[in-house]
């Protein structure tokens, strides 16, 4: 099995999470509910993330766990956690689309 490269610092891992999630610093800060300057100071290495920030990130990003964020080691060696998060996201999309289809079908039948 190929060994994944470990990102050395927690600040670097947070920057990596932001990039993998497709966010800017500002949009990621909004997602976790903190000022963008807080995230900027963390990703630049000026400040270390507080416990509160780490908890917010873990709660906001499905594929991030505490072990990865703090130690740089994920419990999933084969990406199955990433796949699980993707499947959950797709299921939410499917459910939302089905609700829309049901609503529109009902509207058409009522007319």
PDB file of N, CA and C in Angstrom:
ATOM      1  N   UNK A   1       0.841  -1.168   0.000  1.00  0.00           N
ATOM      2  CA  UNK A   1       0.000   0.000   0.000  1.00  0.00           C
ATOM      3  C   UNK A   1       0.890   1.237   0.000  1.00  0.00           C
ATOM      4  N   UNK A   2       0.529   2.224  -0.799  1.00  0.00           N
ATOM      5  CA  UNK A   2       1.306   3.440  -0.897  1.00  0.00           C
ATOM      6  C   UNK A   2       1.107   4.288   0.350  1.00  0.00           C
ATOM      7  N   UNK A   3       2.206   4.772   0.917  1.00  0.00           N
ATOM      8  CA  UNK A   3       2.127   5.594   2.119  1.00  0.00           C
ATOM      9  C   UNK A   3       1.866   7.039   1.716  1.00  0.00           C
ATOM     10  N   UNK A   4       0.851   7.650   2.342  1.00  0.00           N
ATOM     11  CA  UNK A   4       0.537   9.038   2.060  1.00  0.00           C
ATOM     12  C   UNK A   4       1.552   9.935   2.751  1.00  0.00           C
ATOM     13  N   UNK A   5       1.870  11.047   2.094  1.00  0.00           N
ATOM     14  CA  UNK A   5       2.764  12.021   2.693  1.00  0.00           C
ATOM     15  C   UNK A   5       2.015  12.735   3.819  1.00  0.00           C
ATOM     16  N   UNK A   6       2.662  12.871   4.960  1.00  0.00           N
ATOM     17  CA  UNK A   6       2.058  13.547   6.094  1.00  0.00           C
ATOM     18  C   UNK A   6       2.383  15.031   6.013  1.00  0.00           C
ATOM     19  N   UNK A   7       1.358  15.851   6.109  1.00  0.00           N
ATOM     20  CA  UNK A   7       1.561  17.294   6.128  1.00  0.00           C
ATOM     21  C   UNK A   7       2.021  17.650   7.536  1.00  0.00           C
ATOM     22  N   UNK A   8       3.144  18.346   7.629  1.00  0.00           N
ATOM     23  CA  UNK A   8       3.878  18.484   8.885  1.00  0.00           C
ATOM     24  C   UNK A   8       3.174  19.244   9.999  1.00  0.00           C
ATOM     25  N   UNK A   9       2.617  20.410   9.730  1.00  0.00           N
ATOM     26  CA  UNK A   9       2.046  21.202  10.820  1.00  0.00           C
ATOM     27  C   UNK A   9       0.532  21.263  10.723  1.00  0.00           C
ATOM     28  N   UNK A  10      -0.090  21.516  11.852  1.00  0.00           N
ATOM     29  CA  UNK A  10      -1.544  21.640  11.868  1.00  0.00           C
ATOM     30  C   UNK A  10      -1.978  22.819  10.996  1.00  0.00           C
ATOM     31  N   UNK A  11      -1.175  23.887  10.985  1.00  0.00           N
ATOM     32  CA  UNK A  11      -1.496  25.039  10.146  1.00  0.00           C
ATOM     33  C   UNK A  11      -1.499  24.637   8.672  1.00  0.00           C
ATOM     34  N   UNK A  12      -0.514  23.832   8.267  1.00  0.00           N
ATOM     35  CA  UNK A  12      -0.450  23.356   6.884  1.00  0.00           C
ATOM     36  C   UNK A  12      -1.616  22.429   6.567  1.00  0.00           C
ATOM     37  N   UNK A  13      -2.006  21.606   7.530  1.00  0.00           N
ATOM     38  CA  UNK A  13      -3.146  20.709   7.305  1.00  0.00           C
ATOM     39  C   UNK A  13      -4.434  21.502   7.126  1.00  0.00           C
ATOM     40  N   UNK A  14      -4.587  22.574   7.885  1.00  0.00           N
ATOM     41  CA  UNK A  14      -5.782  23.410   7.723  1.00  0.00           C
ATOM     42  C   UNK A  14      -5.781  24.054   6.343  1.00  0.00           C
ATOM     43  N   UNK A  15      -4.638  24.536   5.892  1.00  0.00           N
ATOM     44  CA  UNK A  15      -4.544  25.094   4.538  1.00  0.00           C
ATOM     45  C   UNK A  15      -4.896  24.025   3.505  1.00  0.00           C
ATOM     46  N   UNK A  16      -4.420  22.819   3.706  1.00  0.00           N
ATOM     47  CA  UNK A  16      -4.721  21.706   2.801  1.00  0.00           C
ATOM     48  C   UNK A  16      -6.220  21.395   2.788  1.00  0.00           C
ATOM     49  N   UNK A  17      -6.852  21.424   3.943  1.00  0.00           N
ATOM     50  CA  UNK A  17      -8.298  21.176   4.032  1.00  0.00           C
ATOM     51  C   UNK A  17      -9.053  22.240   3.245  1.00  0.00           C
ATOM     52  N   UNK A  18      -8.662  23.495   3.422  1.00  0.00           N
ATOM     53  CA  UNK A  18      -9.316  24.597   2.703  1.00  0.00           C
ATOM     54  C   UNK A  18      -9.221  24.367   1.199  1.00  0.00           C
ATOM     55  N   UNK A  19      -8.036  24.005   0.721  1.00  0.00           N
ATOM     56  CA  UNK A  19      -7.831  23.772  -0.710  1.00  0.00           C
ATOM     57  C   UNK A  19      -8.624  22.566  -1.204  1.00  0.00           C
ATOM     58  N   UNK A  20      -8.587  21.463  -0.469  1.00  0.00           N
ATOM     59  CA  UNK A  20      -9.316  20.260  -0.886  1.00  0.00           C
ATOM     60  C   UNK A  20     -10.822  20.482  -0.901  1.00  0.00           C
ATOM     61  N   UNK A  21     -11.318  21.338  -0.018  1.00  0.00           N
ATOM     62  CA  UNK A  21     -12.745  21.641   0.037  1.00  0.00           C
ATOM     63  C   UNK A  21     -13.148  22.662  -1.031  1.00  0.00           C
ATOM     64  N   UNK A  22     -12.159  23.242  -1.713  1.00  0.00           N
ATOM     65  CA  UNK A  22     -12.446  24.209  -2.766  1.00  0.00           C
ATOM     66  C   UNK A  22     -12.845  25.578  -2.241  1.00  0.00           C
ATOM     67  N   UNK A  23     -12.397  25.905  -1.051  1.00  0.00           N
ATOM     68  CA  UNK A  23     -12.744  27.186  -0.436  1.00  0.00           C
ATOM     69  C   UNK A  23     -11.614  28.188  -0.565  1.00  0.00           C
ATOM     70  N   UNK A  24     -11.983  29.449  -0.389  1.00  0.00           N
ATOM     71  CA  UNK A  24     -11.008  30.495  -0.119  1.00  0.00           C
ATOM     72  C   UNK A  24     -10.939  30.614   1.400  1.00  0.00           C
ATOM     73  N   UNK A  25     -10.005  31.394   1.877  1.00  0.00           N
ATOM     74  CA  UNK A  25      -9.925  31.607   3.322  1.00  0.00           C
ATOM     75  C   UNK A  25     -11.235  32.204   3.833  1.00  0.00           C
ATOM     76  N   UNK A  26     -11.781  33.160   3.089  1.00  0.00           N
ATOM     77  CA  UNK A  26     -13.020  33.827   3.513  1.00  0.00           C
ATOM     78  C   UNK A  26     -14.210  32.871   3.539  1.00  0.00           C
ATOM     79  N   UNK A  27     -14.362  32.036   2.501  1.00  0.00           N
ATOM     80  CA  UNK A  27     -15.520  31.132   2.472  1.00  0.00           C
ATOM     81  C   UNK A  27     -15.389  30.026   3.508  1.00  0.00           C
ATOM     82  N   UNK A  28     -14.166  29.587   3.745  1.00  0.00           N
ATOM     83  CA  UNK A  28     -13.963  28.566   4.774  1.00  0.00           C
ATOM     84  C   UNK A  28     -14.246  29.147   6.155  1.00  0.00           C
ATOM     85  N   UNK A  29     -13.786  30.369   6.392  1.00  0.00           N
ATOM     86  CA  UNK A  29     -14.046  31.031   7.675  1.00  0.00           C
ATOM     87  C   UNK A  29     -15.545  31.155   7.914  1.00  0.00           C
ATOM     88  N   UNK A  30     -16.268  31.510   6.868  1.00  0.00           N
ATOM     89  CA  UNK A  30     -17.728  31.621   6.991  1.00  0.00           C
ATOM     90  C   UNK A  30     -18.339  30.254   7.306  1.00  0.00           C
ATOM     91  N   UNK A  31     -17.836  29.213   6.648  1.00  0.00           N
ATOM     92  CA  UNK A  31     -18.356  27.863   6.870  1.00  0.00           C
ATOM     93  C   UNK A  31     -18.191  27.423   8.323  1.00  0.00           C
ATOM     94  N   UNK A  32     -17.054  27.766   8.923  1.00  0.00           N
ATOM     95  CA  UNK A  32     -16.830  27.339  10.309  1.00  0.00           C
ATOM     96  C   UNK A  32     -17.257  28.400  11.329  1.00  0.00           C
ATOM     97  N   UNK A  33     -17.720  29.549  10.837  1.00  0.00           N
ATOM     98  CA  UNK A  33     -18.288  30.560  11.723  1.00  0.00           C
ATOM     99  C   UNK A  33     -17.294  31.405  12.496  1.00  0.00           C
ATOM    100  N   UNK A  34     -16.193  31.767  11.826  1.00  0.00           N
ATOM    101  CA  UNK A  34     -15.199  32.633  12.470  1.00  0.00           C
ATOM    102  C   UNK A  34     -14.804  33.742  11.495  1.00  0.00           C
ATOM    103  N   UNK A  35     -14.206  34.830  12.003  1.00  0.00           N
ATOM    104  CA  UNK A  35     -13.739  35.888  11.103  1.00  0.00           C
ATOM    105  C   UNK A  35     -12.641  35.367  10.163  1.00  0.00           C
ATOM    106  N   UNK A  36     -12.623  35.896   8.945  1.00  0.00           N
ATOM    107  CA  UNK A  36     -11.631  35.426   7.968  1.00  0.00           C
ATOM    108  C   UNK A  36     -10.213  35.695   8.450  1.00  0.00           C
ATOM    109  N   UNK A  37     -10.022  36.756   9.236  1.00  0.00           N
ATOM    110  CA  UNK A  37      -8.680  37.066   9.731  1.00  0.00           C
ATOM    111  C   UNK A  37      -8.153  35.971  10.659  1.00  0.00           C
ATOM    112  N   UNK A  38      -9.050  35.322  11.366  1.00  0.00           N
ATOM    113  CA  UNK A  38      -8.645  34.217  12.244  1.00  0.00           C
ATOM    114  C   UNK A  38      -8.038  33.088  11.421  1.00  0.00           C
ATOM    115  N   UNK A  39      -8.728  32.715  10.339  1.00  0.00           N
ATOM    116  CA  UNK A  39      -8.231  31.639   9.472  1.00  0.00           C
ATOM    117  C   UNK A  39      -6.955  32.081   8.761  1.00  0.00           C
ATOM    118  N   UNK A  40      -6.900  33.325   8.316  1.00  0.00           N
ATOM    119  CA  UNK A  40      -5.705  33.846   7.645  1.00  0.00           C
ATOM    120  C   UNK A  40      -4.497  33.765   8.578  1.00  0.00           C
ATOM    121  N   UNK A  41      -4.678  34.152   9.844  1.00  0.00           N
ATOM    122  CA  UNK A  41      -3.569  34.097  10.805  1.00  0.00           C
ATOM    123  C   UNK A  41      -3.108  32.665  11.069  1.00  0.00           C
ATOM    124  N   UNK A  42      -4.032  31.723  11.009  1.00  0.00           N
ATOM    125  CA  UNK A  42      -3.670  30.313  11.205  1.00  0.00           C
ATOM    126  C   UNK A  42      -2.914  29.784   9.990  1.00  0.00           C
ATOM    127  N   UNK A  43      -3.454  30.016   8.791  1.00  0.00           N
ATOM    128  CA  UNK A  43      -2.819  29.462   7.587  1.00  0.00           C
ATOM    129  C   UNK A  43      -1.472  30.119   7.288  1.00  0.00           C
ATOM    130  N   UNK A  44      -1.289  31.348   7.740  1.00  0.00           N
ATOM    131  CA  UNK A  44       0.003  32.013   7.528  1.00  0.00           C
ATOM    132  C   UNK A  44       1.045  31.574   8.556  1.00  0.00           C
ATOM    133  N   UNK A  45       0.592  30.848   9.590  1.00  0.00           N
ATOM    134  CA  UNK A  45       1.508  30.387  10.623  1.00  0.00           C
ATOM    135  C   UNK A  45       1.681  31.372  11.764  1.00  0.00           C
ATOM    136  N   UNK A  46       0.989  32.489  11.685  1.00  0.00           N
ATOM    137  CA  UNK A  46       1.102  33.499  12.750  1.00  0.00           C
ATOM    138  C   UNK A  46       0.554  32.979  14.073  1.00  0.00           C
ATOM    139  N   UNK A  47      -0.598  32.300  14.004  1.00  0.00           N
ATOM    140  CA  UNK A  47      -1.235  31.755  15.207  1.00  0.00           C
ATOM    141  C   UNK A  47      -1.483  30.265  15.025  1.00  0.00           C
ATOM    142  N   UNK A  48      -1.514  29.554  16.130  1.00  0.00           N
ATOM    143  CA  UNK A  48      -1.950  28.153  16.115  1.00  0.00           C
ATOM    144  C   UNK A  48      -3.465  28.148  16.315  1.00  0.00           C
ATOM    145  N   UNK A  49      -4.151  27.156  15.776  1.00  0.00           N
ATOM    146  CA  UNK A  49      -5.605  27.109  15.970  1.00  0.00           C
ATOM    147  C   UNK A  49      -5.956  26.782  17.421  1.00  0.00           C
ATOM    148  N   UNK A  50      -6.999  27.420  17.908  1.00  0.00           N
ATOM    149  CA  UNK A  50      -7.478  27.119  19.258  1.00  0.00           C
ATOM    150  C   UNK A  50      -8.260  25.810  19.229  1.00  0.00           C
ATOM    151  N   UNK A  51      -8.541  25.299  20.408  1.00  0.00           N
ATOM    152  CA  UNK A  51      -9.363  24.092  20.518  1.00  0.00           C
ATOM    153  C   UNK A  51     -10.711  24.319  19.838  1.00  0.00           C
ATOM    154  N   UNK A  52     -11.315  25.488  20.067  1.00  0.00           N
ATOM    155  CA  UNK A  52     -12.615  25.810  19.469  1.00  0.00           C
ATOM    156  C   UNK A  52     -12.550  25.757  17.942  1.00  0.00           C
ATOM    157  N   UNK A  53     -11.504  26.303  17.363  1.00  0.00           N
ATOM    158  CA  UNK A  53     -11.352  26.292  15.902  1.00  0.00           C
ATOM    159  C   UNK A  53     -11.214  24.859  15.405  1.00  0.00           C
ATOM    160  N   UNK A  54     -10.423  24.054  16.093  1.00  0.00           N
ATOM    161  CA  UNK A  54     -10.253  22.661  15.669  1.00  0.00           C
ATOM    162  C   UNK A  54     -11.581  21.910  15.709  1.00  0.00           C
ATOM    163  N   UNK A  55     -12.361  22.115  16.752  1.00  0.00           N
ATOM    164  CA  UNK A  55     -13.670  21.458  16.857  1.00  0.00           C
ATOM    165  C   UNK A  55     -14.583  21.923  15.728  1.00  0.00           C
ATOM    166  N   UNK A  56     -14.575  23.214  15.434  1.00  0.00           N
ATOM    167  CA  UNK A  56     -15.403  23.744  14.341  1.00  0.00           C
ATOM    168  C   UNK A  56     -15.026  23.100  13.000  1.00  0.00           C
ATOM    169  N   UNK A  57     -13.737  22.943  12.755  1.00  0.00           N
ATOM    170  CA  UNK A  57     -13.282  22.336  11.498  1.00  0.00           C
ATOM    171  C   UNK A  57     -13.722  20.878  11.430  1.00  0.00           C
ATOM    172  N   UNK A  58     -13.519  20.142  12.499  1.00  0.00           N
ATOM    173  CA  UNK A  58     -13.901  18.722  12.528  1.00  0.00           C
ATOM    174  C   UNK A  58     -15.398  18.560  12.300  1.00  0.00           C
ATOM    175  N   UNK A  59     -16.202  19.440  12.894  1.00  0.00           N
ATOM    176  CA  UNK A  59     -17.654  19.365  12.728  1.00  0.00           C
ATOM    177  C   UNK A  59     -18.116  19.811  11.344  1.00  0.00           C
ATOM    178  N   UNK A  60     -17.371  20.715  10.717  1.00  0.00           N
ATOM    179  CA  UNK A  60     -17.794  21.274   9.432  1.00  0.00           C
ATOM    180  C   UNK A  60     -17.358  20.445   8.227  1.00  0.00           C
ATOM    181  N   UNK A  61     -16.295  19.672   8.372  1.00  0.00           N
ATOM    182  CA  UNK A  61     -15.739  18.942   7.227  1.00  0.00           C
ATOM    183  C   UNK A  61     -15.837  17.446   7.508  1.00  0.00           C
ATOM    184  N   UNK A  62     -16.696  16.767   6.740  1.00  0.00           N
ATOM    185  CA  UNK A  62     -17.005  15.357   6.991  1.00  0.00           C
ATOM    186  C   UNK A  62     -15.782  14.444   7.024  1.00  0.00           C
ATOM    187  N   UNK A  63     -14.837  14.661   6.147  1.00  0.00           N
ATOM    188  CA  UNK A  63     -13.725  13.717   6.033  1.00  0.00           C
ATOM    189  C   UNK A  63     -12.574  14.005   6.995  1.00  0.00           C
ATOM    190  N   UNK A  64     -12.663  15.081   7.764  1.00  0.00           N
ATOM    191  CA  UNK A  64     -11.597  15.418   8.706  1.00  0.00           C
ATOM    192  C   UNK A  64     -11.942  14.867  10.084  1.00  0.00           C
ATOM    193  N   UNK A  65     -11.004  14.135  10.667  1.00  0.00           N
ATOM    194  CA  UNK A  65     -11.178  13.684  12.045  1.00  0.00           C
ATOM    195  C   UNK A  65     -10.080  14.311  12.909  1.00  0.00           C
ATOM    196  N   UNK A  66     -10.254  14.223  14.220  1.00  0.00           N
ATOM    197  CA  UNK A  66      -9.316  14.854  15.152  1.00  0.00           C
ATOM    198  C   UNK A  66      -7.905  14.301  14.990  1.00  0.00           C
ATOM    199  N   UNK A  67      -7.792  13.012  14.750  1.00  0.00           N
ATOM    200  CA  UNK A  67      -6.481  12.395  14.601  1.00  0.00           C
ATOM    201  C   UNK A  67      -5.734  12.986  13.406  1.00  0.00           C
ATOM    202  N   UNK A  68      -6.436  13.177  12.304  1.00  0.00           N
ATOM    203  CA  UNK A  68      -5.795  13.781  11.131  1.00  0.00           C
ATOM    204  C   UNK A  68      -5.426  15.233  11.415  1.00  0.00           C
ATOM    205  N   UNK A  69      -6.372  15.985  11.958  1.00  0.00           N
ATOM    206  CA  UNK A  69      -6.134  17.409  12.160  1.00  0.00           C
ATOM    207  C   UNK A  69      -4.970  17.657  13.115  1.00  0.00           C
ATOM    208  N   UNK A  70      -4.937  16.955  14.224  1.00  0.00           N
ATOM    209  CA  UNK A  70      -3.918  17.198  15.247  1.00  0.00           C
ATOM    210  C   UNK A  70      -2.595  16.502  14.929  1.00  0.00           C
ATOM    211  N   UNK A  71      -2.665  15.234  14.532  1.00  0.00           N
ATOM    212  CA  UNK A  71      -1.451  14.433  14.360  1.00  0.00           C
ATOM    213  C   UNK A  71      -1.021  14.232  12.903  1.00  0.00           C
ATOM    214  N   UNK A  72      -1.924  14.502  11.976  1.00  0.00           N
ATOM    215  CA  UNK A  72      -1.599  14.296  10.571  1.00  0.00           C
ATOM    216  C   UNK A  72      -1.798  12.875  10.106  1.00  0.00           C
ATOM    217  N   UNK A  73      -2.479  12.068  10.923  1.00  0.00           N
ATOM    218  CA  UNK A  73      -2.722  10.669  10.585  1.00  0.00           C
ATOM    219  C   UNK A  73      -4.215  10.427  10.554  1.00  0.00           C
ATOM    220  N   UNK A  74      -4.677   9.890   9.444  1.00  0.00           N
ATOM    221  CA  UNK A  74      -6.100   9.610   9.309  1.00  0.00           C
ATOM    222  C   UNK A  74      -6.377   8.174   9.696  1.00  0.00           C
ATOM    223  N   UNK A  75      -7.562   7.930  10.236  1.00  0.00           N
ATOM    224  CA  UNK A  75      -7.933   6.554  10.582  1.00  0.00           C
ATOM    225  C   UNK A  75      -8.185   5.730   9.329  1.00  0.00           C
ATOM    226  N   UNK A  76      -8.356   6.396   8.208  1.00  0.00           N
ATOM    227  CA  UNK A  76      -8.641   5.711   6.952  1.00  0.00           C
ATOM    228  C   UNK A  76      -7.409   5.749   6.060  1.00  0.00           C
ATOM    229  N   UNK A  77      -6.809   4.613   5.821  1.00  0.00           N
ATOM    230  CA  UNK A  77      -5.611   4.540   4.988  1.00  0.00           C
ATOM    231  C   UNK A  77      -5.937   4.467   3.495  1.00  0.00           C
ATOM    232  N   UNK A  78      -7.147   4.010   3.176  1.00  0.00           N
ATOM    233  CA  UNK A  78      -7.476   3.765   1.777  1.00  0.00           C
ATOM    234  C   UNK A  78      -8.453   4.770   1.182  1.00  0.00           C
ATOM    235  N   UNK A  79      -8.759   5.843   1.901  1.00  0.00           N
ATOM    236  CA  UNK A  79      -9.676   6.843   1.381  1.00  0.00           C
ATOM    237  C   UNK A  79     -11.136   6.478   1.547  1.00  0.00           C
ATOM    238  N   UNK A  80     -11.442   5.409   2.285  1.00  0.00           N
ATOM    239  CA  UNK A  80     -12.842   5.002   2.423  1.00  0.00           C
ATOM    240  C   UNK A  80     -13.650   6.055   3.163  1.00  0.00           C
ATOM    241  N   UNK A  81     -13.026   6.798   4.045  1.00  0.00           N
ATOM    242  CA  UNK A  81     -13.741   7.875   4.735  1.00  0.00           C
ATOM    243  C   UNK A  81     -14.116   8.963   3.732  1.00  0.00           C
ATOM    244  N   UNK A  82     -13.211   9.291   2.803  1.00  0.00           N
ATOM    245  CA  UNK A  82     -13.514  10.264   1.764  1.00  0.00           C
ATOM    246  C   UNK A  82     -14.680   9.773   0.916  1.00  0.00           C
ATOM    247  N   UNK A  83     -14.663   8.510   0.554  1.00  0.00           N
ATOM    248  CA  UNK A  83     -15.721   7.928  -0.259  1.00  0.00           C
ATOM    249  C   UNK A  83     -17.049   7.968   0.480  1.00  0.00           C
ATOM    250  N   UNK A  84     -17.027   7.659   1.753  1.00  0.00           N
ATOM    251  CA  UNK A  84     -18.246   7.688   2.556  1.00  0.00           C
ATOM    252  C   UNK A  84     -18.842   9.090   2.589  1.00  0.00           C
ATOM    253  N   UNK A  85     -18.011  10.095   2.758  1.00  0.00           N
ATOM    254  CA  UNK A  85     -18.493  11.479   2.773  1.00  0.00           C
ATOM    255  C   UNK A  85     -19.093  11.857   1.427  1.00  0.00           C
ATOM    256  N   UNK A  86     -18.466  11.410   0.346  1.00  0.00           N
ATOM    257  CA  UNK A  86     -18.980  11.688  -0.988  1.00  0.00           C
ATOM    258  C   UNK A  86     -20.325  11.015  -1.210  1.00  0.00           C
ATOM    259  N   UNK A  87     -20.456   9.782  -0.783  1.00  0.00           N
ATOM    260  CA  UNK A  87     -21.723   9.055  -0.919  1.00  0.00           C
ATOM    261  C   UNK A  87     -22.818   9.758  -0.123  1.00  0.00           C
ATOM    262  N   UNK A  88     -22.506  10.210   1.087  1.00  0.00           N
ATOM    263  CA  UNK A  88     -23.491  10.928   1.899  1.00  0.00           C
ATOM    264  C   UNK A  88     -23.939  12.211   1.210  1.00  0.00           C
ATOM    265  N   UNK A  89     -22.997  12.941   0.641  1.00  0.00           N
ATOM    266  CA  UNK A  89     -23.323  14.175  -0.065  1.00  0.00           C
ATOM    267  C   UNK A  89     -24.203  13.890  -1.274  1.00  0.00           C
ATOM    268  N   UNK A  90     -23.877  12.855  -2.028  1.00  0.00           N
ATOM    269  CA  UNK A  90     -24.687  12.486  -3.185  1.00  0.00           C
ATOM    270  C   UNK A  90     -26.088  12.063  -2.761  1.00  0.00           C
ATOM    271  N   UNK A  91     -26.205  11.359  -1.650  1.00  0.00           N
ATOM    272  CA  UNK A  91     -27.522  10.935  -1.174  1.00  0.00           C
ATOM    273  C   UNK A  91     -28.371  12.136  -0.786  1.00  0.00           C
ATOM    274  N   UNK A  92     -27.762  13.136  -0.155  1.00  0.00           N
ATOM    275  CA  UNK A  92     -28.497  14.359   0.190  1.00  0.00           C
ATOM    276  C   UNK A  92     -29.002  15.046  -1.074  1.00  0.00           C
ATOM    277  N   UNK A  93     -28.160  15.091  -2.111  1.00  0.00           N
ATOM    278  CA  UNK A  93     -28.556  15.703  -3.374  1.00  0.00           C
ATOM    279  C   UNK A  93     -29.706  14.935  -4.008  1.00  0.00           C
ATOM    280  N   UNK A  94     -29.613  13.624  -4.019  1.00  0.00           N
ATOM    281  CA  UNK A  94     -30.675  12.782  -4.584  1.00  0.00           C
ATOM    282  C   UNK A  94     -31.979  12.991  -3.823  1.00  0.00           C
ATOM    283  N   UNK A  95     -31.920  13.014  -2.506  1.00  0.00           N
ATOM    284  CA  UNK A  95     -33.118  13.224  -1.690  1.00  0.00           C
ATOM    285  C   UNK A  95     -33.752  14.580  -1.989  1.00  0.00           C
ATOM    286  N   UNK A  96     -32.922  15.598  -2.123  1.00  0.00           N
ATOM    287  CA  UNK A  96     -33.421  16.936  -2.429  1.00  0.00           C
ATOM    288  C   UNK A  96     -34.083  16.970  -3.803  1.00  0.00           C
ATOM    289  N   UNK A  97     -33.461  16.326  -4.779  1.00  0.00           N
ATOM    290  CA  UNK A  97     -34.032  16.277  -6.123  1.00  0.00           C
ATOM    291  C   UNK A  97     -35.337  15.499  -6.138  1.00  0.00           C
ATOM    292  N   UNK A  98     -35.408  14.416  -5.374  1.00  0.00           N
ATOM    293  CA  UNK A  98     -36.637  13.629  -5.316  1.00  0.00           C
ATOM    294  C   UNK A  98     -37.772  14.448  -4.705  1.00  0.00           C
ATOM    295  N   UNK A  99     -37.467  15.223  -3.689  1.00  0.00           N
ATOM    296  CA  UNK A  99     -38.468  16.093  -3.072  1.00  0.00           C
ATOM    297  C   UNK A  99     -38.991  17.102  -4.087  1.00  0.00           C
ATOM    298  N   UNK A 100     -38.101  17.679  -4.871  1.00  0.00           N
ATOM    299  CA  UNK A 100     -38.507  18.633  -5.903  1.00  0.00           C
ATOM    300  C   UNK A 100     -39.372  17.957  -6.956  1.00  0.00           C
ATOM    301  N   UNK A 101     -38.991  16.780  -7.397  1.00  0.00           N
ATOM    302  CA  UNK A 101     -39.774  16.032  -8.388  1.00  0.00           C
ATOM    303  C   UNK A 101     -41.160  15.722  -7.842  1.00  0.00           C
ATOM    304  N   UNK A 102     -41.230  15.258  -6.604  1.00  0.00           N
ATOM    305  CA  UNK A 102     -42.524  14.942  -5.992  1.00  0.00           C
ATOM    306  C   UNK A 102     -43.408  16.179  -5.902  1.00  0.00           C
ATOM    307  N   UNK A 103     -42.823  17.298  -5.511  1.00  0.00           N
ATOM    308  CA  UNK A 103     -43.582  18.541  -5.377  1.00  0.00           C
ATOM    309  C   UNK A 103     -44.109  19.002  -6.736  1.00  0.00           C
ATOM    310  N   UNK A 104     -43.274  18.955  -7.758  1.00  0.00           N
ATOM    311  CA  UNK A 104     -43.694  19.376  -9.096  1.00  0.00           C
ATOM    312  C   UNK A 104     -44.732  18.426  -9.685  1.00  0.00           C
ATOM    313  N   UNK A 105     -44.573  17.132  -9.447  1.00  0.00           N
ATOM    314  CA  UNK A 105     -45.550  16.152  -9.932  1.00  0.00           C
ATOM    315  C   UNK A 105     -46.904  16.403  -9.290  1.00  0.00           C
ATOM    316  N   UNK A 106     -46.915  16.645  -8.010  1.00  0.00           N
ATOM    317  CA  UNK A 106     -48.173  16.926  -7.298  1.00  0.00           C
ATOM    318  C   UNK A 106     -48.820  18.189  -7.842  1.00  0.00           C
ATOM    319  N   UNK A 107     -48.011  19.200  -8.089  1.00  0.00           N
ATOM    320  CA  UNK A 107     -48.520  20.465  -8.623  1.00  0.00           C
ATOM    321  C   UNK A 107     -49.145  20.256 -10.000  1.00  0.00           C
ATOM    322  N   UNK A 108     -48.506  19.441 -10.839  1.00  0.00           N
ATOM    323  CA  UNK A 108     -49.040  19.163 -12.181  1.00  0.00           C
ATOM    324  C   UNK A 108     -50.345  18.382 -12.101  1.00  0.00           C
ATOM    325  N   UNK A 109     -50.432  17.424 -11.200  1.00  0.00           N
ATOM    326  CA  UNK A 109     -51.633  16.604 -11.071  1.00  0.00           C
ATOM    327  C   UNK A 109     -52.802  17.390 -10.490  1.00  0.00           C
ATOM    328  N   UNK A 110     -52.506  18.388  -9.663  1.00  0.00           N
ATOM    329  CA  UNK A 110     -53.556  19.206  -9.068  1.00  0.00           C
ATOM    330  C   UNK A 110     -54.157  20.179 -10.071  1.00  0.00           C
ATOM    331  N   UNK A 111     -53.439  20.478 -11.137  1.00  0.00           N
ATOM    332  CA  UNK A 111     -53.936  21.437 -12.144  1.00  0.00           C
ATOM    333  C   UNK A 111     -54.736  20.778 -13.182  1.00  0.00           C
TER     334      UNK A 111
END
